[in-house]
Amino acid sequence: LRSFPSIPIGTVSVHNIRYGDFSDGEIGYKIDSAFRRQGFAREA
């Protein structure tokens, strides 16, 4: 959170990234249960 920048509330990753003719990756995300349904996952 901008208002509290020292404790992570979640993560977003794109892994298995391939380039060239594939040009793809797989997204994964997690949000701390205390911060769900507040739009933070969508924003990130």
PDB file of all heavy atoms in Angstrom:
ATOM      1  N   LEU A   1       0.851  -1.182   0.000  1.00  0.00           N
ATOM      2  CA  LEU A   1       0.000   0.000   0.000  1.00  0.00           C
ATOM      3  C   LEU A   1       0.890   1.236   0.000  1.00  0.00           C
ATOM      4  O   LEU A   1       1.895   1.276   0.721  1.00  0.00           O
ATOM      5  CB  LEU A   1      -0.900   0.028   1.232  1.00  0.00           C
ATOM      6  CG  LEU A   1      -1.970  -1.053   1.318  1.00  0.00           C
ATOM      7  CD1 LEU A   1      -2.678  -0.976   2.672  1.00  0.00           C
ATOM      8  CD2 LEU A   1      -2.974  -0.914   0.182  1.00  0.00           C
ATOM      9  N   ARG A   2       0.537   2.247  -0.774  1.00  0.00           N
ATOM     10  CA  ARG A   2       1.295   3.503  -0.767  1.00  0.00           C
ATOM     11  C   ARG A   2       1.311   4.100   0.643  1.00  0.00           C
ATOM     12  O   ARG A   2       2.300   4.673   1.075  1.00  0.00           O
ATOM     13  CB  ARG A   2       0.666   4.518  -1.718  1.00  0.00           C
ATOM     14  CG  ARG A   2       1.013   4.337  -3.149  1.00  0.00           C
ATOM     15  CD  ARG A   2       0.240   5.381  -3.964  1.00  0.00           C
ATOM     16  NE  ARG A   2       0.728   5.459  -5.302  1.00  0.00           N
ATOM     17  CZ  ARG A   2       1.698   6.266  -5.707  1.00  0.00           C
ATOM     18  NH1 ARG A   2       2.291   7.067  -4.867  1.00  0.00           N
ATOM     19  NH2 ARG A   2       2.078   6.282  -6.957  1.00  0.00           N
ATOM     20  N   SER A   3       0.184   3.942   1.348  1.00  0.00           N
ATOM     21  CA  SER A   3       0.068   4.525   2.680  1.00  0.00           C
ATOM     22  C   SER A   3       0.816   3.724   3.748  1.00  0.00           C
ATOM     23  O   SER A   3       0.985   4.200   4.867  1.00  0.00           O
ATOM     24  CB  SER A   3      -1.408   4.630   3.067  1.00  0.00           C
ATOM     25  OG  SER A   3      -2.011   3.350   3.051  1.00  0.00           O
ATOM     26  N   PHE A   4       1.272   2.514   3.407  1.00  0.00           N
ATOM     27  CA  PHE A   4       1.997   1.682   4.365  1.00  0.00           C
ATOM     28  C   PHE A   4       2.975   0.804   3.587  1.00  0.00           C
ATOM     29  O   PHE A   4       2.744  -0.395   3.399  1.00  0.00           O
ATOM     30  CB  PHE A   4       1.009   0.845   5.185  1.00  0.00           C
ATOM     31  CG  PHE A   4       1.593   0.340   6.463  1.00  0.00           C
ATOM     32  CD1 PHE A   4       1.916   1.198   7.500  1.00  0.00           C
ATOM     33  CD2 PHE A   4       1.844  -1.014   6.619  1.00  0.00           C
ATOM     34  CE1 PHE A   4       2.473   0.721   8.679  1.00  0.00           C
ATOM     35  CE2 PHE A   4       2.397  -1.501   7.798  1.00  0.00           C
ATOM     36  CZ  PHE A   4       2.702  -0.632   8.824  1.00  0.00           C
ATOM     37  N   PRO A   5       4.082   1.383   3.105  1.00  0.00           N
ATOM     38  CA  PRO A   5       4.957   0.707   2.155  1.00  0.00           C
ATOM     39  C   PRO A   5       5.985  -0.273   2.721  1.00  0.00           C
ATOM     40  O   PRO A   5       6.948  -0.601   2.037  1.00  0.00           O
ATOM     41  CB  PRO A   5       5.661   1.877   1.472  1.00  0.00           C
ATOM     42  CG  PRO A   5       5.730   2.921   2.526  1.00  0.00           C
ATOM     43  CD  PRO A   5       4.452   2.778   3.322  1.00  0.00           C
ATOM     44  N   SER A   6       5.779  -0.775   3.920  1.00  0.00           N
ATOM     45  CA  SER A   6       6.780  -1.682   4.484  1.00  0.00           C
ATOM     46  C   SER A   6       6.314  -3.131   4.615  1.00  0.00           C
ATOM     47  O   SER A   6       7.141  -4.018   4.819  1.00  0.00           O
ATOM     48  CB  SER A   6       7.236  -1.172   5.854  1.00  0.00           C
ATOM     49  OG  SER A   6       6.145  -1.122   6.737  1.00  0.00           O
ATOM     50  N   ILE A   7       5.013  -3.388   4.490  1.00  0.00           N
ATOM     51  CA  ILE A   7       4.504  -4.746   4.645  1.00  0.00           C
ATOM     52  C   ILE A   7       3.789  -5.176   3.372  1.00  0.00           C
ATOM     53  O   ILE A   7       2.830  -4.523   2.946  1.00  0.00           O
ATOM     54  CB  ILE A   7       3.547  -4.846   5.855  1.00  0.00           C
ATOM     55  CG1 ILE A   7       4.316  -4.528   7.128  1.00  0.00           C
ATOM     56  CG2 ILE A   7       2.895  -6.223   5.914  1.00  0.00           C
ATOM     57  CD1 ILE A   7       3.504  -4.599   8.388  1.00  0.00           C
ATOM     58  N   PRO A   8       4.249  -6.269   2.723  1.00  0.00           N
ATOM     59  CA  PRO A   8       3.590  -6.707   1.490  1.00  0.00           C
ATOM     60  C   PRO A   8       2.193  -7.250   1.775  1.00  0.00           C
ATOM     61  O   PRO A   8       1.979  -7.961   2.754  1.00  0.00           O
ATOM     62  CB  PRO A   8       4.514  -7.804   0.956  1.00  0.00           C
ATOM     63  CG  PRO A   8       5.270  -8.295   2.137  1.00  0.00           C
ATOM     64  CD  PRO A   8       5.366  -7.136   3.091  1.00  0.00           C
ATOM     65  N   ILE A   9       1.261  -6.880   0.895  1.00  0.00           N
ATOM     66  CA  ILE A   9      -0.114  -7.381   1.021  1.00  0.00           C
ATOM     67  C   ILE A   9      -0.450  -8.354  -0.099  1.00  0.00           C
ATOM     68  O   ILE A   9      -1.563  -8.848  -0.170  1.00  0.00           O
ATOM     69  CB  ILE A   9      -1.139  -6.236   1.058  1.00  0.00           C
ATOM     70  CG1 ILE A   9      -1.163  -5.470  -0.266  1.00  0.00           C
ATOM     71  CG2 ILE A   9      -0.877  -5.320   2.249  1.00  0.00           C
ATOM     72  CD1 ILE A   9      -2.409  -4.616  -0.452  1.00  0.00           C
ATOM     73  N   GLY A  10       0.502  -8.620  -0.969  1.00  0.00           N
ATOM     74  CA  GLY A  10       0.247  -9.563  -2.051  1.00  0.00           C
ATOM     75  C   GLY A  10       1.400  -9.610  -3.022  1.00  0.00           C
ATOM     76  O   GLY A  10       2.432  -8.953  -2.832  1.00  0.00           O
ATOM     77  N   THR A  11       1.198 -10.392  -4.063  1.00  0.00           N
ATOM     78  CA  THR A  11       2.209 -10.539  -5.102  1.00  0.00           C
ATOM     79  C   THR A  11       1.529 -10.888  -6.420  1.00  0.00           C
ATOM     80  O   THR A  11       0.467 -11.500  -6.431  1.00  0.00           O
ATOM     81  CB  THR A  11       3.243 -11.619  -4.716  1.00  0.00           C
ATOM     82  OG1 THR A  11       4.239 -11.697  -5.741  1.00  0.00           O
ATOM     83  CG2 THR A  11       2.624 -12.972  -4.513  1.00  0.00           C
ATOM     84  N   VAL A  12       2.156 -10.450  -7.506  1.00  0.00           N
ATOM     85  CA  VAL A  12       1.735 -10.815  -8.861  1.00  0.00           C
ATOM     86  C   VAL A  12       2.989 -11.252  -9.597  1.00  0.00           C
ATOM     87  O   VAL A  12       4.016 -10.582  -9.525  1.00  0.00           O
ATOM     88  CB  VAL A  12       1.088  -9.632  -9.619  1.00  0.00           C
ATOM     89  CG1 VAL A  12       0.715 -10.043 -11.044  1.00  0.00           C
ATOM     90  CG2 VAL A  12      -0.124  -9.094  -8.886  1.00  0.00           C
ATOM     91  N   SER A  13       2.894 -12.374 -10.286  1.00  0.00           N
ATOM     92  CA  SER A  13       4.040 -12.818 -11.069  1.00  0.00           C
ATOM     93  C   SER A  13       3.577 -13.297 -12.435  1.00  0.00           C
ATOM     94  O   SER A  13       2.457 -13.772 -12.599  1.00  0.00           O
ATOM     95  CB  SER A  13       4.792 -13.950 -10.357  1.00  0.00           C
ATOM     96  OG  SER A  13       4.017 -15.122 -10.339  1.00  0.00           O
ATOM     97  N   VAL A  14       4.461 -13.139 -13.392  1.00  0.00           N
ATOM     98  CA  VAL A  14       4.292 -13.757 -14.704  1.00  0.00           C
ATOM     99  C   VAL A  14       5.519 -14.642 -14.867  1.00  0.00           C
ATOM    100  O   VAL A  14       6.649 -14.170 -14.778  1.00  0.00           O
ATOM    101  CB  VAL A  14       4.188 -12.711 -15.831  1.00  0.00           C
ATOM    102  CG1 VAL A  14       4.051 -13.413 -17.182  1.00  0.00           C
ATOM    103  CG2 VAL A  14       3.000 -11.784 -15.586  1.00  0.00           C
ATOM    104  N   HIS A  15       5.284 -15.930 -15.031  1.00  0.00           N
ATOM    105  CA  HIS A  15       6.391 -16.874 -15.105  1.00  0.00           C
ATOM    106  C   HIS A  15       6.266 -17.713 -16.383  1.00  0.00           C
ATOM    107  O   HIS A  15       5.297 -17.573 -17.122  1.00  0.00           O
ATOM    108  CB  HIS A  15       6.441 -17.760 -13.848  1.00  0.00           C
ATOM    109  CG  HIS A  15       5.120 -18.340 -13.486  1.00  0.00           C
ATOM    110  ND1 HIS A  15       4.157 -17.635 -12.783  1.00  0.00           N
ATOM    111  CD2 HIS A  15       4.571 -19.537 -13.743  1.00  0.00           C
ATOM    112  CE1 HIS A  15       3.090 -18.383 -12.620  1.00  0.00           C
ATOM    113  NE2 HIS A  15       3.308 -19.537 -13.207  1.00  0.00           N
ATOM    114  N   ASN A  16       7.258 -18.538 -16.613  1.00  0.00           N
ATOM    115  CA  ASN A  16       7.322 -19.347 -17.835  1.00  0.00           C
ATOM    116  C   ASN A  16       7.198 -18.459 -19.073  1.00  0.00           C
ATOM    117  O   ASN A  16       6.537 -18.815 -20.050  1.00  0.00           O
ATOM    118  CB  ASN A  16       6.252 -20.443 -17.850  1.00  0.00           C
ATOM    119  CG  ASN A  16       6.394 -21.406 -16.695  1.00  0.00           C
ATOM    120  OD1 ASN A  16       7.503 -21.668 -16.231  1.00  0.00           O
ATOM    121  ND2 ASN A  16       5.294 -21.922 -16.206  1.00  0.00           N
ATOM    122  N   ILE A  17       7.844 -17.297 -19.041  1.00  0.00           N
ATOM    123  CA  ILE A  17       7.779 -16.372 -20.168  1.00  0.00           C
ATOM    124  C   ILE A  17       8.594 -16.935 -21.328  1.00  0.00           C
ATOM    125  O   ILE A  17       9.733 -17.364 -21.154  1.00  0.00           O
ATOM    126  CB  ILE A  17       8.309 -14.977 -19.771  1.00  0.00           C
ATOM    127  CG1 ILE A  17       7.408 -14.352 -18.693  1.00  0.00           C
ATOM    128  CG2 ILE A  17       8.403 -14.069 -20.998  1.00  0.00           C
ATOM    129  CD1 ILE A  17       7.914 -13.022 -18.145  1.00  0.00           C
ATOM    130  N   ARG A  18       7.955 -16.937 -22.483  1.00  0.00           N
ATOM    131  CA  ARG A  18       8.616 -17.361 -23.717  1.00  0.00           C
ATOM    132  C   ARG A  18       8.453 -16.253 -24.750  1.00  0.00           C
ATOM    133  O   ARG A  18       7.452 -15.546 -24.756  1.00  0.00           O
ATOM    134  CB  ARG A  18       8.002 -18.656 -24.253  1.00  0.00           C
ATOM    135  CG  ARG A  18       8.062 -19.795 -23.257  1.00  0.00           C
ATOM    136  CD  ARG A  18       7.492 -21.071 -23.814  1.00  0.00           C
ATOM    137  NE  ARG A  18       6.060 -20.940 -24.126  1.00  0.00           N
ATOM    138  CZ  ARG A  18       5.337 -21.897 -24.706  1.00  0.00           C
ATOM    139  NH1 ARG A  18       5.899 -23.037 -25.063  1.00  0.00           N
ATOM    140  NH2 ARG A  18       4.050 -21.717 -24.947  1.00  0.00           N
ATOM    141  N   TYR A  19       9.442 -16.141 -25.620  1.00  0.00           N
ATOM    142  CA  TYR A  19       9.427 -15.102 -26.639  1.00  0.00           C
ATOM    143  C   TYR A  19       9.360 -15.734 -28.022  1.00  0.00           C
ATOM    144  O   TYR A  19       9.181 -16.937 -28.157  1.00  0.00           O
ATOM    145  CB  TYR A  19      10.666 -14.200 -26.490  1.00  0.00           C
ATOM    146  CG  TYR A  19      10.671 -13.466 -25.170  1.00  0.00           C
ATOM    147  CD1 TYR A  19      11.409 -13.935 -24.090  1.00  0.00           C
ATOM    148  CD2 TYR A  19       9.894 -12.327 -24.996  1.00  0.00           C
ATOM    149  CE1 TYR A  19      11.388 -13.276 -22.879  1.00  0.00           C
ATOM    150  CE2 TYR A  19       9.862 -11.662 -23.788  1.00  0.00           C
ATOM    151  CZ  TYR A  19      10.614 -12.143 -22.726  1.00  0.00           C
ATOM    152  OH  TYR A  19      10.576 -11.487 -21.523  1.00  0.00           O
ATOM    153  N   GLY A  20       9.508 -14.917 -29.017  1.00  0.00           N
ATOM    154  CA  GLY A  20       9.494 -15.414 -30.390  1.00  0.00           C
ATOM    155  C   GLY A  20       8.092 -15.776 -30.829  1.00  0.00           C
ATOM    156  O   GLY A  20       7.135 -15.036 -30.581  1.00  0.00           O
ATOM    157  N   ASP A  21       7.967 -16.933 -31.450  1.00  0.00           N
ATOM    158  CA  ASP A  21       6.678 -17.350 -31.999  1.00  0.00           C
ATOM    159  C   ASP A  21       5.652 -17.686 -30.923  1.00  0.00           C
ATOM    160  O   ASP A  21       4.457 -17.753 -31.220  1.00  0.00           O
ATOM    161  CB  ASP A  21       6.856 -18.557 -32.926  1.00  0.00           C
ATOM    162  CG  ASP A  21       7.586 -18.182 -34.213  1.00  0.00           C
ATOM    163  OD1 ASP A  21       7.528 -16.988 -34.587  1.00  0.00           O
ATOM    164  OD2 ASP A  21       8.203 -19.058 -34.830  1.00  0.00           O
ATOM    165  N   PHE A  22       6.081 -17.889 -29.671  1.00  0.00           N
ATOM    166  CA  PHE A  22       5.127 -18.142 -28.580  1.00  0.00           C
ATOM    167  C   PHE A  22       4.694 -16.831 -27.937  1.00  0.00           C
ATOM    168  O   PHE A  22       3.519 -16.549 -27.809  1.00  0.00           O
ATOM    169  CB  PHE A  22       5.720 -19.085 -27.536  1.00  0.00           C
ATOM    170  CG  PHE A  22       5.843 -20.490 -28.020  1.00  0.00           C
ATOM    171  CD1 PHE A  22       7.039 -20.957 -28.529  1.00  0.00           C
ATOM    172  CD2 PHE A  22       4.748 -21.340 -27.989  1.00  0.00           C
ATOM    173  CE1 PHE A  22       7.145 -22.254 -28.987  1.00  0.00           C
ATOM    174  CE2 PHE A  22       4.840 -22.646 -28.445  1.00  0.00           C
ATOM    175  CZ  PHE A  22       6.049 -23.100 -28.954  1.00  0.00           C
ATOM    176  N   SER A  23       5.635 -16.051 -27.458  1.00  0.00           N
ATOM    177  CA  SER A  23       5.371 -14.743 -26.864  1.00  0.00           C
ATOM    178  C   SER A  23       4.257 -14.809 -25.828  1.00  0.00           C
ATOM    179  O   SER A  23       3.223 -14.149 -25.943  1.00  0.00           O
ATOM    180  CB  SER A  23       5.036 -13.733 -27.969  1.00  0.00           C
ATOM    181  OG  SER A  23       4.980 -12.436 -27.444  1.00  0.00           O
ATOM    182  N   ASP A  24       4.495 -15.632 -24.803  1.00  0.00           N
ATOM    183  CA  ASP A  24       3.455 -15.832 -23.795  1.00  0.00           C
ATOM    184  C   ASP A  24       4.052 -16.009 -22.408  1.00  0.00           C
ATOM    185  O   ASP A  24       5.269 -16.064 -22.236  1.00  0.00           O
ATOM    186  CB  ASP A  24       2.568 -17.030 -24.150  1.00  0.00           C
ATOM    187  CG  ASP A  24       3.319 -18.367 -24.154  1.00  0.00           C
ATOM    188  OD1 ASP A  24       4.543 -18.405 -23.894  1.00  0.00           O
ATOM    189  OD2 ASP A  24       2.678 -19.402 -24.423  1.00  0.00           O
ATOM    190  N   GLY A  25       3.180 -16.081 -21.425  1.00  0.00           N
ATOM    191  CA  GLY A  25       3.567 -16.318 -20.045  1.00  0.00           C
ATOM    192  C   GLY A  25       2.336 -16.682 -19.243  1.00  0.00           C
ATOM    193  O   GLY A  25       1.206 -16.597 -19.738  1.00  0.00           O
ATOM    194  N   GLU A  26       2.554 -17.089 -18.002  1.00  0.00           N
ATOM    195  CA  GLU A  26       1.449 -17.474 -17.115  1.00  0.00           C
ATOM    196  C   GLU A  26       1.445 -16.559 -15.902  1.00  0.00           C
ATOM    197  O   GLU A  26       2.476 -16.382 -15.254  1.00  0.00           O
ATOM    198  CB  GLU A  26       1.615 -18.925 -16.674  1.00  0.00           C
ATOM    199  CG  GLU A  26       0.485 -19.408 -15.798  1.00  0.00           C
ATOM    200  CD  GLU A  26       0.701 -20.835 -15.328  1.00  0.00           C
ATOM    201  OE1 GLU A  26       1.289 -21.640 -16.085  1.00  0.00           O
ATOM    202  OE2 GLU A  26       0.305 -21.137 -14.191  1.00  0.00           O
ATOM    203  N   ILE A  27       0.291 -15.983 -15.597  1.00  0.00           N
ATOM    204  CA  ILE A  27       0.180 -15.057 -14.474  1.00  0.00           C
ATOM    205  C   ILE A  27      -0.331 -15.794 -13.240  1.00  0.00           C
ATOM    206  O   ILE A  27      -1.135 -16.731 -13.339  1.00  0.00           O
ATOM    207  CB  ILE A  27      -0.725 -13.861 -14.829  1.00  0.00           C
ATOM    208  CG1 ILE A  27      -0.504 -12.700 -13.839  1.00  0.00           C
ATOM    209  CG2 ILE A  27      -2.195 -14.278 -14.928  1.00  0.00           C
ATOM    210  CD1 ILE A  27      -1.077 -11.381 -14.317  1.00  0.00           C
ATOM    211  N   GLY A  28       0.174 -15.377 -12.097  1.00  0.00           N
ATOM    212  CA  GLY A  28      -0.294 -15.876 -10.816  1.00  0.00           C
ATOM    213  C   GLY A  28      -0.328 -14.722  -9.835  1.00  0.00           C
ATOM    214  O   GLY A  28       0.404 -13.737 -10.001  1.00  0.00           O
ATOM    215  N   TYR A  29      -1.177 -14.806  -8.849  1.00  0.00           N
ATOM    216  CA  TYR A  29      -1.313 -13.708  -7.893  1.00  0.00           C
ATOM    217  C   TYR A  29      -1.856 -14.230  -6.580  1.00  0.00           C
ATOM    218  O   TYR A  29      -2.536 -15.264  -6.527  1.00  0.00           O
ATOM    219  CB  TYR A  29      -2.235 -12.612  -8.448  1.00  0.00           C
ATOM    220  CG  TYR A  29      -3.523 -13.146  -9.021  1.00  0.00           C
ATOM    221  CD1 TYR A  29      -4.651 -13.308  -8.244  1.00  0.00           C
ATOM    222  CD2 TYR A  29      -3.590 -13.514 -10.356  1.00  0.00           C
ATOM    223  CE1 TYR A  29      -5.824 -13.828  -8.759  1.00  0.00           C
ATOM    224  CE2 TYR A  29      -4.754 -14.035 -10.888  1.00  0.00           C
ATOM    225  CZ  TYR A  29      -5.871 -14.188 -10.088  1.00  0.00           C
ATOM    226  OH  TYR A  29      -7.022 -14.705 -10.612  1.00  0.00           O
ATOM    227  N   LYS A  30      -1.525 -13.511  -5.524  1.00  0.00           N
ATOM    228  CA  LYS A  30      -2.004 -13.820  -4.173  1.00  0.00           C
ATOM    229  C   LYS A  30      -2.216 -12.493  -3.459  1.00  0.00           C
ATOM    230  O   LYS A  30      -1.403 -11.589  -3.590  1.00  0.00           O
ATOM    231  CB  LYS A  30      -0.980 -14.621  -3.374  1.00  0.00           C
ATOM    232  CG  LYS A  30      -0.612 -15.951  -3.940  1.00  0.00           C
ATOM    233  CD  LYS A  30       0.525 -16.548  -3.119  1.00  0.00           C
ATOM    234  CE  LYS A  30       1.212 -17.671  -3.823  1.00  0.00           C
ATOM    235  NZ  LYS A  30       1.931 -17.284  -5.024  1.00  0.00           N
ATOM    236  N   ILE A  31      -3.276 -12.415  -2.688  1.00  0.00           N
ATOM    237  CA  ILE A  31      -3.549 -11.227  -1.886  1.00  0.00           C
ATOM    238  C   ILE A  31      -3.799 -11.676  -0.454  1.00  0.00           C
ATOM    239  O   ILE A  31      -4.526 -12.650  -0.214  1.00  0.00           O
ATOM    240  CB  ILE A  31      -4.784 -10.452  -2.415  1.00  0.00           C
ATOM    241  CG1 ILE A  31      -4.560  -9.969  -3.848  1.00  0.00           C
ATOM    242  CG2 ILE A  31      -5.141  -9.284  -1.500  1.00  0.00           C
ATOM    243  CD1 ILE A  31      -3.511  -8.887  -3.985  1.00  0.00           C
ATOM    244  N   ASP A  32      -3.197 -10.974   0.481  1.00  0.00           N
ATOM    245  CA  ASP A  32      -3.424 -11.229   1.901  1.00  0.00           C
ATOM    246  C   ASP A  32      -4.925 -11.205   2.167  1.00  0.00           C
ATOM    247  O   ASP A  32      -5.641 -10.326   1.684  1.00  0.00           O
ATOM    248  CB  ASP A  32      -2.725 -10.136   2.713  1.00  0.00           C
ATOM    249  CG  ASP A  32      -2.719 -10.402   4.197  1.00  0.00           C
ATOM    250  OD1 ASP A  32      -3.808 -10.570   4.780  1.00  0.00           O
ATOM    251  OD2 ASP A  32      -1.623 -10.402   4.772  1.00  0.00           O
ATOM    252  N   SER A  33      -5.402 -12.169   2.929  1.00  0.00           N
ATOM    253  CA  SER A  33      -6.843 -12.287   3.178  1.00  0.00           C
ATOM    254  C   SER A  33      -7.439 -11.017   3.790  1.00  0.00           C
ATOM    255  O   SER A  33      -8.613 -10.717   3.567  1.00  0.00           O
ATOM    256  CB  SER A  33      -7.140 -13.507   4.062  1.00  0.00           C
ATOM    257  OG  SER A  33      -6.450 -13.401   5.285  1.00  0.00           O
ATOM    258  N   ALA A  34      -6.662 -10.247   4.518  1.00  0.00           N
ATOM    259  CA  ALA A  34      -7.175  -9.015   5.136  1.00  0.00           C
ATOM    260  C   ALA A  34      -7.369  -7.881   4.130  1.00  0.00           C
ATOM    261  O   ALA A  34      -7.986  -6.870   4.457  1.00  0.00           O
ATOM    262  CB  ALA A  34      -6.223  -8.554   6.240  1.00  0.00           C
ATOM    263  N   PHE A  35      -6.876  -8.055   2.892  1.00  0.00           N
ATOM    264  CA  PHE A  35      -6.925  -6.973   1.911  1.00  0.00           C
ATOM    265  C   PHE A  35      -7.692  -7.354   0.648  1.00  0.00           C
ATOM    266  O   PHE A  35      -7.579  -6.683  -0.377  1.00  0.00           O
ATOM    267  CB  PHE A  35      -5.502  -6.526   1.555  1.00  0.00           C
ATOM    268  CG  PHE A  35      -4.783  -5.930   2.720  1.00  0.00           C
ATOM    269  CD1 PHE A  35      -3.998  -6.726   3.548  1.00  0.00           C
ATOM    270  CD2 PHE A  35      -4.925  -4.590   3.023  1.00  0.00           C
ATOM    271  CE1 PHE A  35      -3.343  -6.181   4.644  1.00  0.00           C
ATOM    272  CE2 PHE A  35      -4.283  -4.035   4.120  1.00  0.00           C
ATOM    273  CZ  PHE A  35      -3.493  -4.838   4.937  1.00  0.00           C
ATOM    274  N   ARG A  36      -8.482  -8.395   0.717  1.00  0.00           N
ATOM    275  CA  ARG A  36      -9.250  -8.824  -0.452  1.00  0.00           C
ATOM    276  C   ARG A  36     -10.512  -8.000  -0.629  1.00  0.00           C
ATOM    277  O   ARG A  36     -10.979  -7.348   0.293  1.00  0.00           O
ATOM    278  CB  ARG A  36      -9.610 -10.299  -0.309  1.00  0.00           C
ATOM    279  CG  ARG A  36      -8.371 -11.143  -0.365  1.00  0.00           C
ATOM    280  CD  ARG A  36      -8.651 -12.557  -0.744  1.00  0.00           C
ATOM    281  NE  ARG A  36      -7.395 -13.278  -0.652  1.00  0.00           N
ATOM    282  CZ  ARG A  36      -7.217 -14.355   0.076  1.00  0.00           C
ATOM    283  NH1 ARG A  36      -8.219 -14.880   0.719  1.00  0.00           N
ATOM    284  NH2 ARG A  36      -6.041 -14.921   0.114  1.00  0.00           N
ATOM    285  N   ARG A  37     -11.020  -8.074  -1.847  1.00  0.00           N
ATOM    286  CA  ARG A  37     -12.276  -7.410  -2.233  1.00  0.00           C
ATOM    287  C   ARG A  37     -12.231  -5.893  -2.013  1.00  0.00           C
ATOM    288  O   ARG A  37     -13.234  -5.275  -1.689  1.00  0.00           O
ATOM    289  CB  ARG A  37     -13.456  -8.055  -1.533  1.00  0.00           C
ATOM    290  CG  ARG A  37     -13.680  -9.488  -2.017  1.00  0.00           C
ATOM    291  CD  ARG A  37     -14.801 -10.186  -1.280  1.00  0.00           C
ATOM    292  NE  ARG A  37     -14.969 -11.541  -1.762  1.00  0.00           N
ATOM    293  CZ  ARG A  37     -14.227 -12.583  -1.410  1.00  0.00           C
ATOM    294  NH1 ARG A  37     -13.238 -12.429  -0.557  1.00  0.00           N
ATOM    295  NH2 ARG A  37     -14.463 -13.788  -1.899  1.00  0.00           N
ATOM    296  N   GLN A  38     -11.037  -5.319  -2.194  1.00  0.00           N
ATOM    297  CA  GLN A  38     -10.869  -3.864  -2.080  1.00  0.00           C
ATOM    298  C   GLN A  38     -10.307  -3.272  -3.377  1.00  0.00           C
ATOM    299  O   GLN A  38      -9.948  -2.102  -3.407  1.00  0.00           O
ATOM    300  CB  GLN A  38      -9.950  -3.538  -0.893  1.00  0.00           C
ATOM    301  CG  GLN A  38     -10.509  -4.009   0.440  1.00  0.00           C
ATOM    302  CD  GLN A  38      -9.559  -3.742   1.592  1.00  0.00           C
ATOM    303  OE1 GLN A  38      -9.052  -2.637   1.733  1.00  0.00           O
ATOM    304  NE2 GLN A  38      -9.313  -4.750   2.415  1.00  0.00           N
ATOM    305  N   GLY A  39     -10.181  -4.105  -4.411  1.00  0.00           N
ATOM    306  CA  GLY A  39      -9.700  -3.638  -5.702  1.00  0.00           C
ATOM    307  C   GLY A  39      -8.194  -3.666  -5.876  1.00  0.00           C
ATOM    308  O   GLY A  39      -7.684  -3.313  -6.948  1.00  0.00           O
ATOM    309  N   PHE A  40      -7.461  -4.106  -4.852  1.00  0.00           N
ATOM    310  CA  PHE A  40      -5.999  -4.090  -4.936  1.00  0.00           C
ATOM    311  C   PHE A  40      -5.459  -5.116  -5.935  1.00  0.00           C
ATOM    312  O   PHE A  40      -4.501  -4.843  -6.661  1.00  0.00           O
ATOM    313  CB  PHE A  40      -5.368  -4.296  -3.561  1.00  0.00           C
ATOM    314  CG  PHE A  40      -5.727  -3.232  -2.568  1.00  0.00           C
ATOM    315  CD1 PHE A  40      -6.114  -3.563  -1.283  1.00  0.00           C
ATOM    316  CD2 PHE A  40      -5.685  -1.887  -2.912  1.00  0.00           C
ATOM    317  CE1 PHE A  40      -6.451  -2.585  -0.358  1.00  0.00           C
ATOM    318  CE2 PHE A  40      -6.020  -0.889  -2.003  1.00  0.00           C
ATOM    319  CZ  PHE A  40      -6.408  -1.241  -0.718  1.00  0.00           C
ATOM    320  N   ALA A  41      -6.053  -6.308  -5.974  1.00  0.00           N
ATOM    321  CA  ALA A  41      -5.604  -7.325  -6.933  1.00  0.00           C
ATOM    322  C   ALA A  41      -5.814  -6.821  -8.357  1.00  0.00           C
ATOM    323  O   ALA A  41      -4.912  -6.916  -9.195  1.00  0.00           O
ATOM    324  CB  ALA A  41      -6.346  -8.638  -6.712  1.00  0.00           C
ATOM    325  N   ARG A  42      -6.985  -6.278  -8.626  1.00  0.00           N
ATOM    326  CA  ARG A  42      -7.281  -5.748  -9.966  1.00  0.00           C
ATOM    327  C   ARG A  42      -6.280  -4.657 -10.351  1.00  0.00           C
ATOM    328  O   ARG A  42      -5.742  -4.640 -11.454  1.00  0.00           O
ATOM    329  CB  ARG A  42      -8.691  -5.193 -10.009  1.00  0.00           C
ATOM    330  CG  ARG A  42      -8.975  -4.327 -11.233  1.00  0.00           C
ATOM    331  CD  ARG A  42     -10.320  -3.656 -11.140  1.00  0.00           C
ATOM    332  NE  ARG A  42     -11.388  -4.611 -11.258  1.00  0.00           N
ATOM    333  CZ  ARG A  42     -11.728  -5.217 -12.396  1.00  0.00           C
ATOM    334  NH1 ARG A  42     -11.066  -4.954 -13.492  1.00  0.00           N
ATOM    335  NH2 ARG A  42     -12.699  -6.082 -12.434  1.00  0.00           N
ATOM    336  N   GLU A  43      -6.008  -3.760  -9.437  1.00  0.00           N
ATOM    337  CA  GLU A  43      -5.098  -2.646  -9.698  1.00  0.00           C
ATOM    338  C   GLU A  43      -3.684  -3.157  -9.997  1.00  0.00           C
ATOM    339  O   GLU A  43      -3.039  -2.711 -10.945  1.00  0.00           O
ATOM    340  CB  GLU A  43      -5.092  -1.711  -8.484  1.00  0.00           C
ATOM    341  CG  GLU A  43      -4.483  -0.370  -8.720  1.00  0.00           C
ATOM    342  CD  GLU A  43      -4.727   0.577  -7.546  1.00  0.00           C
ATOM    343  OE1 GLU A  43      -5.844   0.595  -6.986  1.00  0.00           O
ATOM    344  OE2 GLU A  43      -3.780   1.310  -7.201  1.00  0.00           O
ATOM    345  N   ALA A  44      -3.220  -4.108  -9.203  1.00  0.00           N
ATOM    346  CA  ALA A  44      -1.861  -4.644  -9.386  1.00  0.00           C
ATOM    347  C   ALA A  44      -1.759  -5.483 -10.657  1.00  0.00           C
ATOM    348  O   ALA A  44      -0.806  -5.336 -11.435  1.00  0.00           O
ATOM    349  CB  ALA A  44      -1.461  -5.470  -8.166  1.00  0.00           C
TER     350      ALA A  44
END
